[in-house]
């Protein structure tokens, strides 16, 4: 999740491949990725509204750094892409593993 949030293309692909080799459930990883990007957007939104985001200070700082790296519009774009991929999974057009790879290839900068 951090490699994606940090915009580390190579690191994101390597981490995903390692997790899949150790038999992590690709659907669970997909859901974790959605949750991570939502938390970045929520942290950014709360901070901009001068509210206190939930979580320990170190996690808020990490999320905020990642959120600022991409910006609100790009994070919304990421969630829209994940929603599109999720629909394709549910329609049987993609499996979750392929969806994860497609997300990294299409959204994480090279």
PDB file of N, CA and C in Angstrom:
ATOM      1  N   UNK A   1       0.821  -1.187   0.000  1.00  0.00           N
ATOM      2  CA  UNK A   1       0.000   0.000   0.000  1.00  0.00           C
ATOM      3  C   UNK A   1       0.868   1.254   0.000  1.00  0.00           C
ATOM      4  N   UNK A   2       1.958   1.208   0.764  1.00  0.00           N
ATOM      5  CA  UNK A   2       2.827   2.382   0.807  1.00  0.00           C
ATOM      6  C   UNK A   2       3.503   2.627  -0.534  1.00  0.00           C
ATOM      7  N   UNK A   3       3.878   1.571  -1.233  1.00  0.00           N
ATOM      8  CA  UNK A   3       4.522   1.754  -2.540  1.00  0.00           C
ATOM      9  C   UNK A   3       3.559   2.441  -3.506  1.00  0.00           C
ATOM     10  N   UNK A   4       2.294   2.057  -3.482  1.00  0.00           N
ATOM     11  CA  UNK A   4       1.295   2.718  -4.331  1.00  0.00           C
ATOM     12  C   UNK A   4       1.121   4.160  -3.878  1.00  0.00           C
ATOM     13  N   UNK A   5       0.946   4.370  -2.578  1.00  0.00           N
ATOM     14  CA  UNK A   5       0.759   5.719  -2.048  1.00  0.00           C
ATOM     15  C   UNK A   5       1.948   6.623  -2.304  1.00  0.00           C
ATOM     16  N   UNK A   6       3.143   6.046  -2.301  1.00  0.00           N
ATOM     17  CA  UNK A   6       4.354   6.830  -2.552  1.00  0.00           C
ATOM     18  C   UNK A   6       4.644   7.004  -4.031  1.00  0.00           C
ATOM     19  N   UNK A   7       3.829   6.385  -4.884  1.00  0.00           N
ATOM     20  CA  UNK A   7       4.039   6.514  -6.323  1.00  0.00           C
ATOM     21  C   UNK A   7       5.231   5.733  -6.829  1.00  0.00           C
ATOM     22  N   UNK A   8       5.577   4.659  -6.145  1.00  0.00           N
ATOM     23  CA  UNK A   8       6.734   3.830  -6.496  1.00  0.00           C
ATOM     24  C   UNK A   8       6.276   2.680  -7.392  1.00  0.00           C
ATOM     25  N   UNK A   9       6.321   2.881  -8.696  1.00  0.00           N
ATOM     26  CA  UNK A   9       5.832   1.907  -9.659  1.00  0.00           C
ATOM     27  C   UNK A   9       6.514   0.551  -9.492  1.00  0.00           C
ATOM     28  N   UNK A  10       7.826   0.543  -9.563  1.00  0.00           N
ATOM     29  CA  UNK A  10       8.584  -0.717  -9.466  1.00  0.00           C
ATOM     30  C   UNK A  10       8.344  -1.385  -8.111  1.00  0.00           C
ATOM     31  N   UNK A  11       8.372  -0.602  -7.042  1.00  0.00           N
ATOM     32  CA  UNK A  11       8.149  -1.148  -5.704  1.00  0.00           C
ATOM     33  C   UNK A  11       6.756  -1.727  -5.545  1.00  0.00           C
ATOM     34  N   UNK A  12       5.756  -1.059  -6.148  1.00  0.00           N
ATOM     35  CA  UNK A  12       4.377  -1.551  -6.065  1.00  0.00           C
ATOM     36  C   UNK A  12       4.233  -2.891  -6.776  1.00  0.00           C
ATOM     37  N   UNK A  13       4.818  -3.008  -7.968  1.00  0.00           N
ATOM     38  CA  UNK A  13       4.751  -4.284  -8.696  1.00  0.00           C
ATOM     39  C   UNK A  13       5.500  -5.387  -7.965  1.00  0.00           C
ATOM     40  N   UNK A  14       6.661  -5.057  -7.432  1.00  0.00           N
ATOM     41  CA  UNK A  14       7.434  -6.058  -6.695  1.00  0.00           C
ATOM     42  C   UNK A  14       6.704  -6.512  -5.437  1.00  0.00           C
ATOM     43  N   UNK A  15       6.134  -5.570  -4.699  1.00  0.00           N
ATOM     44  CA  UNK A  15       5.402  -5.920  -3.475  1.00  0.00           C
ATOM     45  C   UNK A  15       4.182  -6.775  -3.812  1.00  0.00           C
ATOM     46  N   UNK A  16       3.455  -6.408  -4.867  1.00  0.00           N
ATOM     47  CA  UNK A  16       2.293  -7.188  -5.269  1.00  0.00           C
ATOM     48  C   UNK A  16       2.704  -8.603  -5.659  1.00  0.00           C
ATOM     49  N   UNK A  17       3.725  -8.727  -6.470  1.00  0.00           N
ATOM     50  CA  UNK A  17       4.177 -10.063  -6.881  1.00  0.00           C
ATOM     51  C   UNK A  17       4.608 -10.907  -5.685  1.00  0.00           C
ATOM     52  N   UNK A  18       5.292 -10.281  -4.731  1.00  0.00           N
ATOM     53  CA  UNK A  18       5.720 -11.003  -3.530  1.00  0.00           C
ATOM     54  C   UNK A  18       4.514 -11.470  -2.710  1.00  0.00           C
ATOM     55  N   UNK A  19       3.539 -10.599  -2.540  1.00  0.00           N
ATOM     56  CA  UNK A  19       2.340 -10.970  -1.780  1.00  0.00           C
ATOM     57  C   UNK A  19       1.574 -12.093  -2.477  1.00  0.00           C
ATOM     58  N   UNK A  20       1.466 -12.018  -3.785  1.00  0.00           N
ATOM     59  CA  UNK A  20       0.755 -13.068  -4.522  1.00  0.00           C
ATOM     60  C   UNK A  20       1.510 -14.394  -4.478  1.00  0.00           C
ATOM     61  N   UNK A  21       2.846 -14.332  -4.524  1.00  0.00           N
ATOM     62  CA  UNK A  21       3.651 -15.574  -4.414  1.00  0.00           C
ATOM     63  C   UNK A  21       3.459 -16.242  -3.059  1.00  0.00           C
ATOM     64  N   UNK A  22       3.225 -15.443  -2.020  1.00  0.00           N
ATOM     65  CA  UNK A  22       3.025 -16.010  -0.676  1.00  0.00           C
ATOM     66  C   UNK A  22       1.555 -16.318  -0.419  1.00  0.00           C
ATOM     67  N   UNK A  23       0.774 -16.335  -1.505  1.00  0.00           N
ATOM     68  CA  UNK A  23      -0.621 -16.765  -1.510  1.00  0.00           C
ATOM     69  C   UNK A  23      -1.595 -15.842  -0.778  1.00  0.00           C
ATOM     70  N   UNK A  24      -1.298 -14.542  -0.800  1.00  0.00           N
ATOM     71  CA  UNK A  24      -2.288 -13.592  -0.299  1.00  0.00           C
ATOM     72  C   UNK A  24      -3.479 -13.633  -1.235  1.00  0.00           C
ATOM     73  N   UNK A  25      -4.648 -13.466  -0.685  1.00  0.00           N
ATOM     74  CA  UNK A  25      -5.882 -13.458  -1.468  1.00  0.00           C
ATOM     75  C   UNK A  25      -5.935 -12.164  -2.285  1.00  0.00           C
ATOM     76  N   UNK A  26      -5.960 -12.269  -3.622  1.00  0.00           N
ATOM     77  CA  UNK A  26      -5.966 -11.054  -4.445  1.00  0.00           C
ATOM     78  C   UNK A  26      -7.192 -10.166  -4.207  1.00  0.00           C
ATOM     79  N   UNK A  27      -8.335 -10.769  -3.920  1.00  0.00           N
ATOM     80  CA  UNK A  27      -9.527  -9.957  -3.646  1.00  0.00           C
ATOM     81  C   UNK A  27      -9.344  -9.165  -2.356  1.00  0.00           C
ATOM     82  N   UNK A  28      -8.741  -9.787  -1.356  1.00  0.00           N
ATOM     83  CA  UNK A  28      -8.472  -9.079  -0.103  1.00  0.00           C
ATOM     84  C   UNK A  28      -7.485  -7.937  -0.344  1.00  0.00           C
ATOM     85  N   UNK A  29      -6.460  -8.173  -1.158  1.00  0.00           N
ATOM     86  CA  UNK A  29      -5.497  -7.115  -1.483  1.00  0.00           C
ATOM     87  C   UNK A  29      -6.181  -5.970  -2.229  1.00  0.00           C
ATOM     88  N   UNK A  30      -7.078  -6.307  -3.132  1.00  0.00           N
ATOM     89  CA  UNK A  30      -7.824  -5.279  -3.866  1.00  0.00           C
ATOM     90  C   UNK A  30      -8.619  -4.417  -2.889  1.00  0.00           C
ATOM     91  N   UNK A  31      -9.306  -5.067  -1.963  1.00  0.00           N
ATOM     92  CA  UNK A  31     -10.095  -4.337  -0.966  1.00  0.00           C
ATOM     93  C   UNK A  31      -9.209  -3.478  -0.065  1.00  0.00           C
ATOM     94  N   UNK A  32      -8.034  -3.993   0.305  1.00  0.00           N
ATOM     95  CA  UNK A  32      -7.098  -3.205   1.117  1.00  0.00           C
ATOM     96  C   UNK A  32      -6.620  -1.976   0.357  1.00  0.00           C
ATOM     97  N   UNK A  33      -6.386  -2.123  -0.934  1.00  0.00           N
ATOM     98  CA  UNK A  33      -5.956  -0.999  -1.750  1.00  0.00           C
ATOM     99  C   UNK A  33      -7.039   0.079  -1.817  1.00  0.00           C
ATOM    100  N   UNK A  34      -8.273  -0.333  -2.011  1.00  0.00           N
ATOM    101  CA  UNK A  34      -9.387   0.625  -2.011  1.00  0.00           C
ATOM    102  C   UNK A  34      -9.435   1.354  -0.668  1.00  0.00           C
ATOM    103  N   UNK A  35      -9.341   0.614   0.412  1.00  0.00           N
ATOM    104  CA  UNK A  35      -9.372   1.217   1.744  1.00  0.00           C
ATOM    105  C   UNK A  35      -8.223   2.178   1.981  1.00  0.00           C
ATOM    106  N   UNK A  36      -7.045   1.818   1.486  1.00  0.00           N
ATOM    107  CA  UNK A  36      -5.881   2.688   1.673  1.00  0.00           C
ATOM    108  C   UNK A  36      -6.066   4.014   0.940  1.00  0.00           C
ATOM    109  N   UNK A  37      -6.502   3.952  -0.302  1.00  0.00           N
ATOM    110  CA  UNK A  37      -6.678   5.182  -1.067  1.00  0.00           C
ATOM    111  C   UNK A  37      -7.822   6.028  -0.506  1.00  0.00           C
ATOM    112  N   UNK A  38      -8.854   5.374   0.000  1.00  0.00           N
ATOM    113  CA  UNK A  38      -9.940   6.121   0.647  1.00  0.00           C
ATOM    114  C   UNK A  38      -9.414   6.828   1.900  1.00  0.00           C
ATOM    115  N   UNK A  39      -8.559   6.145   2.664  1.00  0.00           N
ATOM    116  CA  UNK A  39      -8.023   6.766   3.881  1.00  0.00           C
ATOM    117  C   UNK A  39      -7.131   7.956   3.544  1.00  0.00           C
ATOM    118  N   UNK A  40      -6.400   7.895   2.419  1.00  0.00           N
ATOM    119  CA  UNK A  40      -5.595   9.048   2.009  1.00  0.00           C
ATOM    120  C   UNK A  40      -6.497  10.234   1.694  1.00  0.00           C
ATOM    121  N   UNK A  41      -7.562   9.968   0.962  1.00  0.00           N
ATOM    122  CA  UNK A  41      -8.490  11.040   0.596  1.00  0.00           C
ATOM    123  C   UNK A  41      -9.208  11.594   1.820  1.00  0.00           C
ATOM    124  N   UNK A  42      -9.623  10.733   2.727  1.00  0.00           N
ATOM    125  CA  UNK A  42     -10.298  11.183   3.952  1.00  0.00           C
ATOM    126  C   UNK A  42      -9.367  12.014   4.832  1.00  0.00           C
ATOM    127  N   UNK A  43      -8.110  11.600   4.931  1.00  0.00           N
ATOM    128  CA  UNK A  43      -7.140  12.351   5.730  1.00  0.00           C
ATOM    129  C   UNK A  43      -6.906  13.723   5.123  1.00  0.00           C
ATOM    130  N   UNK A  44      -6.757  13.775   3.816  1.00  0.00           N
ATOM    131  CA  UNK A  44      -6.572  15.054   3.130  1.00  0.00           C
ATOM    132  C   UNK A  44      -7.782  15.955   3.328  1.00  0.00           C
ATOM    133  N   UNK A  45      -8.958  15.400   3.164  1.00  0.00           N
ATOM    134  CA  UNK A  45     -10.192  16.168   3.308  1.00  0.00           C
ATOM    135  C   UNK A  45     -10.351  16.705   4.727  1.00  0.00           C
ATOM    136  N   UNK A  46     -10.097  15.859   5.711  1.00  0.00           N
ATOM    137  CA  UNK A  46     -10.227  16.291   7.107  1.00  0.00           C
ATOM    138  C   UNK A  46      -9.240  17.398   7.427  1.00  0.00           C
ATOM    139  N   UNK A  47      -8.028  17.261   6.958  1.00  0.00           N
ATOM    140  CA  UNK A  47      -7.005  18.270   7.226  1.00  0.00           C
ATOM    141  C   UNK A  47      -7.362  19.598   6.582  1.00  0.00           C
ATOM    142  N   UNK A  48      -7.844  19.546   5.349  1.00  0.00           N
ATOM    143  CA  UNK A  48      -8.219  20.780   4.656  1.00  0.00           C
ATOM    144  C   UNK A  48      -9.429  21.451   5.307  1.00  0.00           C
ATOM    145  N   UNK A  49     -10.288  20.655   5.954  1.00  0.00           N
ATOM    146  CA  UNK A  49     -11.447  21.203   6.664  1.00  0.00           C
ATOM    147  C   UNK A  49     -11.078  21.588   8.096  1.00  0.00           C
ATOM    148  N   UNK A  50      -9.800  21.517   8.420  1.00  0.00           N
ATOM    149  CA  UNK A  50      -9.264  21.830   9.743  1.00  0.00           C
ATOM    150  C   UNK A  50      -9.886  20.962  10.829  1.00  0.00           C
ATOM    151  N   UNK A  51     -10.133  19.706  10.473  1.00  0.00           N
ATOM    152  CA  UNK A  51     -10.606  18.708  11.423  1.00  0.00           C
ATOM    153  C   UNK A  51      -9.446  17.769  11.730  1.00  0.00           C
ATOM    154  N   UNK A  52      -9.592  17.000  12.792  1.00  0.00           N
ATOM    155  CA  UNK A  52      -8.558  16.041  13.157  1.00  0.00           C
ATOM    156  C   UNK A  52      -8.846  14.689  12.511  1.00  0.00           C
ATOM    157  N   UNK A  53      -7.968  14.248  11.609  1.00  0.00           N
ATOM    158  CA  UNK A  53      -8.151  12.905  11.041  1.00  0.00           C
ATOM    159  C   UNK A  53      -7.973  11.851  12.127  1.00  0.00           C
ATOM    160  N   UNK A  54      -8.594  10.707  11.936  1.00  0.00           N
ATOM    161  CA  UNK A  54      -8.465   9.652  12.933  1.00  0.00           C
ATOM    162  C   UNK A  54      -7.163   8.889  12.730  1.00  0.00           C
ATOM    163  N   UNK A  55      -6.626   8.406  13.830  1.00  0.00           N
ATOM    164  CA  UNK A  55      -5.418   7.592  13.783  1.00  0.00           C
ATOM    165  C   UNK A  55      -4.280   8.228  14.547  1.00  0.00           C
ATOM    166  N   UNK A  56      -3.235   7.438  14.761  1.00  0.00           N
ATOM    167  CA  UNK A  56      -2.053   7.968  15.460  1.00  0.00           C
ATOM    168  C   UNK A  56      -1.336   9.012  14.589  1.00  0.00           C
ATOM    169  N   UNK A  57      -0.608   9.907  15.238  1.00  0.00           N
ATOM    170  CA  UNK A  57       0.060  11.005  14.539  1.00  0.00           C
ATOM    171  C   UNK A  57       0.974  10.531  13.413  1.00  0.00           C
ATOM    172  N   UNK A  58       1.757   9.461  13.661  1.00  0.00           N
ATOM    173  CA  UNK A  58       2.690   8.994  12.636  1.00  0.00           C
ATOM    174  C   UNK A  58       1.943   8.523  11.388  1.00  0.00           C
ATOM    175  N   UNK A  59       0.772   7.904  11.584  1.00  0.00           N
ATOM    176  CA  UNK A  59      -0.004   7.405  10.455  1.00  0.00           C
ATOM    177  C   UNK A  59      -0.657   8.563   9.699  1.00  0.00           C
ATOM    178  N   UNK A  60      -1.135   9.538  10.435  1.00  0.00           N
ATOM    179  CA  UNK A  60      -1.723  10.723   9.801  1.00  0.00           C
ATOM    180  C   UNK A  60      -0.670  11.435   8.955  1.00  0.00           C
ATOM    181  N   UNK A  61       0.540  11.592   9.493  1.00  0.00           N
ATOM    182  CA  UNK A  61       1.622  12.248   8.741  1.00  0.00           C
ATOM    183  C   UNK A  61       1.945  11.467   7.464  1.00  0.00           C
ATOM    184  N   UNK A  62       2.017  10.139   7.568  1.00  0.00           N
ATOM    185  CA  UNK A  62       2.321   9.304   6.405  1.00  0.00           C
ATOM    186  C   UNK A  62       1.214   9.419   5.358  1.00  0.00           C
ATOM    187  N   UNK A  63      -0.029   9.317   5.811  1.00  0.00           N
ATOM    188  CA  UNK A  63      -1.158   9.421   4.872  1.00  0.00           C
ATOM    189  C   UNK A  63      -1.196  10.795   4.211  1.00  0.00           C
ATOM    190  N   UNK A  64      -0.946  11.821   4.995  1.00  0.00           N
ATOM    191  CA  UNK A  64      -0.983  13.182   4.456  1.00  0.00           C
ATOM    192  C   UNK A  64       0.125  13.395   3.422  1.00  0.00           C
ATOM    193  N   UNK A  65       1.301  12.878   3.700  1.00  0.00           N
ATOM    194  CA  UNK A  65       2.405  13.004   2.732  1.00  0.00           C
ATOM    195  C   UNK A  65       2.046  12.306   1.421  1.00  0.00           C
ATOM    196  N   UNK A  66       1.470  11.111   1.524  1.00  0.00           N
ATOM    197  CA  UNK A  66       1.081  10.383   0.325  1.00  0.00           C
ATOM    198  C   UNK A  66      -0.060  11.097  -0.399  1.00  0.00           C
ATOM    199  N   UNK A  67      -1.015  11.606   0.350  1.00  0.00           N
ATOM    200  CA  UNK A  67      -2.154  12.312  -0.258  1.00  0.00           C
ATOM    201  C   UNK A  67      -1.686  13.572  -0.978  1.00  0.00           C
ATOM    202  N   UNK A  68      -0.774  14.310  -0.371  1.00  0.00           N
ATOM    203  CA  UNK A  68      -0.259  15.525  -1.016  1.00  0.00           C
ATOM    204  C   UNK A  68       0.549  15.186  -2.262  1.00  0.00           C
ATOM    205  N   UNK A  69       1.211  14.037  -2.249  1.00  0.00           N
ATOM    206  CA  UNK A  69       2.000  13.616  -3.405  1.00  0.00           C
ATOM    207  C   UNK A  69       1.114  13.501  -4.651  1.00  0.00           C
ATOM    208  N   UNK A  70      -0.128  13.064  -4.458  1.00  0.00           N
ATOM    209  CA  UNK A  70      -1.022  12.828  -5.591  1.00  0.00           C
ATOM    210  C   UNK A  70      -2.048  13.942  -5.781  1.00  0.00           C
ATOM    211  N   UNK A  71      -2.529  14.505  -4.708  1.00  0.00           N
ATOM    212  CA  UNK A  71      -3.571  15.526  -4.786  1.00  0.00           C
ATOM    213  C   UNK A  71      -4.960  14.908  -4.819  1.00  0.00           C
ATOM    214  N   UNK A  72      -5.921  15.737  -4.451  1.00  0.00           N
ATOM    215  CA  UNK A  72      -7.299  15.265  -4.331  1.00  0.00           C
ATOM    216  C   UNK A  72      -7.850  14.726  -5.656  1.00  0.00           C
ATOM    217  N   UNK A  73      -7.655  15.456  -6.730  1.00  0.00           N
ATOM    218  CA  UNK A  73      -8.221  15.035  -8.023  1.00  0.00           C
ATOM    219  C   UNK A  73      -7.660  13.679  -8.464  1.00  0.00           C
ATOM    220  N   UNK A  74      -6.395  13.484  -8.275  1.00  0.00           N
ATOM    221  CA  UNK A  74      -5.766  12.217  -8.694  1.00  0.00           C
ATOM    222  C   UNK A  74      -6.220  11.058  -7.809  1.00  0.00           C
ATOM    223  N   UNK A  75      -6.423  11.310  -6.525  1.00  0.00           N
ATOM    224  CA  UNK A  75      -6.930  10.262  -5.637  1.00  0.00           C
ATOM    225  C   UNK A  75      -8.358   9.876  -6.009  1.00  0.00           C
ATOM    226  N   UNK A  76      -9.158  10.861  -6.364  1.00  0.00           N
ATOM    227  CA  UNK A  76     -10.520  10.563  -6.819  1.00  0.00           C
ATOM    228  C   UNK A  76     -10.465   9.751  -8.104  1.00  0.00           C
ATOM    229  N   UNK A  77      -9.543  10.102  -8.991  1.00  0.00           N
ATOM    230  CA  UNK A  77      -9.350   9.341 -10.228  1.00  0.00           C
ATOM    231  C   UNK A  77      -8.979   7.887  -9.913  1.00  0.00           C
ATOM    232  N   UNK A  78      -8.137   7.690  -8.921  1.00  0.00           N
ATOM    233  CA  UNK A  78      -7.733   6.328  -8.534  1.00  0.00           C
ATOM    234  C   UNK A  78      -8.933   5.532  -8.042  1.00  0.00           C
ATOM    235  N   UNK A  79      -9.760   6.159  -7.217  1.00  0.00           N
ATOM    236  CA  UNK A  79     -10.941   5.459  -6.711  1.00  0.00           C
ATOM    237  C   UNK A  79     -11.924   5.142  -7.828  1.00  0.00           C
ATOM    238  N   UNK A  80     -12.045   6.034  -8.800  1.00  0.00           N
ATOM    239  CA  UNK A  80     -12.921   5.775  -9.948  1.00  0.00           C
ATOM    240  C   UNK A  80     -12.393   4.600 -10.765  1.00  0.00           C
ATOM    241  N   UNK A  81     -11.087   4.547 -10.955  1.00  0.00           N
ATOM    242  CA  UNK A  81     -10.484   3.424 -11.675  1.00  0.00           C
ATOM    243  C   UNK A  81     -10.707   2.118 -10.918  1.00  0.00           C
ATOM    244  N   UNK A  82     -10.522   2.139  -9.604  1.00  0.00           N
ATOM    245  CA  UNK A  82     -10.753   0.932  -8.803  1.00  0.00           C
ATOM    246  C   UNK A  82     -12.214   0.505  -8.859  1.00  0.00           C
ATOM    247  N   UNK A  83     -13.120   1.467  -8.892  1.00  0.00           N
ATOM    248  CA  UNK A  83     -14.541   1.131  -9.006  1.00  0.00           C
ATOM    249  C   UNK A  83     -14.815   0.457 -10.352  1.00  0.00           C
ATOM    250  N   UNK A  84     -14.235   0.994 -11.406  1.00  0.00           N
ATOM    251  CA  UNK A  84     -14.391   0.397 -12.738  1.00  0.00           C
ATOM    252  C   UNK A  84     -13.841  -1.035 -12.753  1.00  0.00           C
ATOM    253  N   UNK A  85     -12.672  -1.219 -12.168  1.00  0.00           N
ATOM    254  CA  UNK A  85     -12.071  -2.555 -12.120  1.00  0.00           C
ATOM    255  C   UNK A  85     -12.908  -3.509 -11.272  1.00  0.00           C
ATOM    256  N   UNK A  86     -13.476  -3.005 -10.179  1.00  0.00           N
ATOM    257  CA  UNK A  86     -14.320  -3.832  -9.318  1.00  0.00           C
ATOM    258  C   UNK A  86     -15.558  -4.318 -10.076  1.00  0.00           C
ATOM    259  N   UNK A  87     -16.149  -3.448 -10.866  1.00  0.00           N
ATOM    260  CA  UNK A  87     -17.308  -3.852 -11.673  1.00  0.00           C
ATOM    261  C   UNK A  87     -16.889  -4.945 -12.659  1.00  0.00           C
ATOM    262  N   UNK A  88     -15.735  -4.774 -13.267  1.00  0.00           N
ATOM    263  CA  UNK A  88     -15.256  -5.774 -14.226  1.00  0.00           C
ATOM    264  C   UNK A  88     -14.966  -7.111 -13.536  1.00  0.00           C
ATOM    265  N   UNK A  89     -14.498  -7.064 -12.291  1.00  0.00           N
ATOM    266  CA  UNK A  89     -14.304  -8.302 -11.516  1.00  0.00           C
ATOM    267  C   UNK A  89     -15.653  -8.970 -11.295  1.00  0.00           C
ATOM    268  N   UNK A  90     -16.621  -8.188 -10.857  1.00  0.00           N
ATOM    269  CA  UNK A  90     -17.946  -8.731 -10.545  1.00  0.00           C
ATOM    270  C   UNK A  90     -18.664  -9.264 -11.782  1.00  0.00           C
ATOM    271  N   UNK A  91     -18.352  -8.705 -12.942  1.00  0.00           N
ATOM    272  CA  UNK A  91     -18.947  -9.193 -14.187  1.00  0.00           C
ATOM    273  C   UNK A  91     -18.199 -10.404 -14.751  1.00  0.00           C
ATOM    274  N   UNK A  92     -17.093 -10.756 -14.113  1.00  0.00           N
ATOM    275  CA  UNK A  92     -16.314 -11.899 -14.575  1.00  0.00           C
ATOM    276  C   UNK A  92     -15.367 -11.586 -15.718  1.00  0.00           C
ATOM    277  N   UNK A  93     -15.175 -10.306 -16.011  1.00  0.00           N
ATOM    278  CA  UNK A  93     -14.283  -9.903 -17.092  1.00  0.00           C
ATOM    279  C   UNK A  93     -12.818  -9.906 -16.673  1.00  0.00           C
ATOM    280  N   UNK A  94     -12.570  -9.761 -15.388  1.00  0.00           N
ATOM    281  CA  UNK A  94     -11.207  -9.706 -14.834  1.00  0.00           C
ATOM    282  C   UNK A  94     -11.171 -10.502 -13.549  1.00  0.00           C
ATOM    283  N   UNK A  95     -10.019 -11.064 -13.254  1.00  0.00           N
ATOM    284  CA  UNK A  95      -9.878 -11.618 -11.913  1.00  0.00           C
ATOM    285  C   UNK A  95      -9.163 -10.561 -11.063  1.00  0.00           C
ATOM    286  N   UNK A  96      -9.276 -10.651  -9.742  1.00  0.00           N
ATOM    287  CA  UNK A  96      -8.705  -9.615  -8.872  1.00  0.00           C
ATOM    288  C   UNK A  96      -7.196  -9.416  -9.059  1.00  0.00           C
ATOM    289  N   UNK A  97      -6.480 -10.485  -9.341  1.00  0.00           N
ATOM    290  CA  UNK A  97      -5.033 -10.360  -9.541  1.00  0.00           C
ATOM    291  C   UNK A  97      -4.733  -9.484 -10.761  1.00  0.00           C
ATOM    292  N   UNK A  98      -5.428  -9.738 -11.846  1.00  0.00           N
ATOM    293  CA  UNK A  98      -5.237  -8.916 -13.045  1.00  0.00           C
ATOM    294  C   UNK A  98      -5.657  -7.470 -12.791  1.00  0.00           C
ATOM    295  N   UNK A  99      -6.721  -7.283 -12.034  1.00  0.00           N
ATOM    296  CA  UNK A  99      -7.187  -5.933 -11.721  1.00  0.00           C
ATOM    297  C   UNK A  99      -6.132  -5.156 -10.933  1.00  0.00           C
ATOM    298  N   UNK A 100      -5.473  -5.809 -10.002  1.00  0.00           N
ATOM    299  CA  UNK A 100      -4.415  -5.154  -9.235  1.00  0.00           C
ATOM    300  C   UNK A 100      -3.268  -4.729 -10.148  1.00  0.00           C
ATOM    301  N   UNK A 101      -2.857  -5.629 -11.021  1.00  0.00           N
ATOM    302  CA  UNK A 101      -1.783  -5.289 -11.955  1.00  0.00           C
ATOM    303  C   UNK A 101      -2.198  -4.139 -12.882  1.00  0.00           C
ATOM    304  N   UNK A 102      -3.411  -4.200 -13.392  1.00  0.00           N
ATOM    305  CA  UNK A 102      -3.893  -3.124 -14.262  1.00  0.00           C
ATOM    306  C   UNK A 102      -3.919  -1.785 -13.531  1.00  0.00           C
ATOM    307  N   UNK A 103      -4.357  -1.800 -12.277  1.00  0.00           N
ATOM    308  CA  UNK A 103      -4.394  -0.552 -11.519  1.00  0.00           C
ATOM    309  C   UNK A 103      -3.004   0.035 -11.413  1.00  0.00           C
ATOM    310  N   UNK A 104      -2.037  -0.768 -11.041  1.00  0.00           N
ATOM    311  CA  UNK A 104      -0.657  -0.273 -10.882  1.00  0.00           C
ATOM    312  C   UNK A 104      -0.137   0.253 -12.225  1.00  0.00           C
ATOM    313  N   UNK A 105      -0.385  -0.503 -13.293  1.00  0.00           N
ATOM    314  CA  UNK A 105       0.101  -0.088 -14.611  1.00  0.00           C
ATOM    315  C   UNK A 105      -0.551   1.203 -15.100  1.00  0.00           C
ATOM    316  N   UNK A 106      -1.821   1.396 -14.776  1.00  0.00           N
ATOM    317  CA  UNK A 106      -2.551   2.566 -15.276  1.00  0.00           C
ATOM    318  C   UNK A 106      -2.458   3.783 -14.369  1.00  0.00           C
ATOM    319  N   UNK A 107      -2.242   3.589 -13.064  1.00  0.00           N
ATOM    320  CA  UNK A 107      -2.339   4.740 -12.155  1.00  0.00           C
ATOM    321  C   UNK A 107      -1.019   5.144 -11.515  1.00  0.00           C
ATOM    322  N   UNK A 108      -0.190   4.183 -11.161  1.00  0.00           N
ATOM    323  CA  UNK A 108       1.073   4.531 -10.491  1.00  0.00           C
ATOM    324  C   UNK A 108       2.046   5.049 -11.555  1.00  0.00           C
ATOM    325  N   UNK A 109       2.640   6.223 -11.348  1.00  0.00           N
ATOM    326  CA  UNK A 109       3.530   6.782 -12.373  1.00  0.00           C
ATOM    327  C   UNK A 109       4.778   5.926 -12.568  1.00  0.00           C
ATOM    328  N   UNK A 110       5.200   5.852 -13.816  1.00  0.00           N
ATOM    329  CA  UNK A 110       6.418   5.075 -14.140  1.00  0.00           C
ATOM    330  C   UNK A 110       7.635   5.932 -13.933  1.00  0.00           C
TER     331      UNK A 110
END
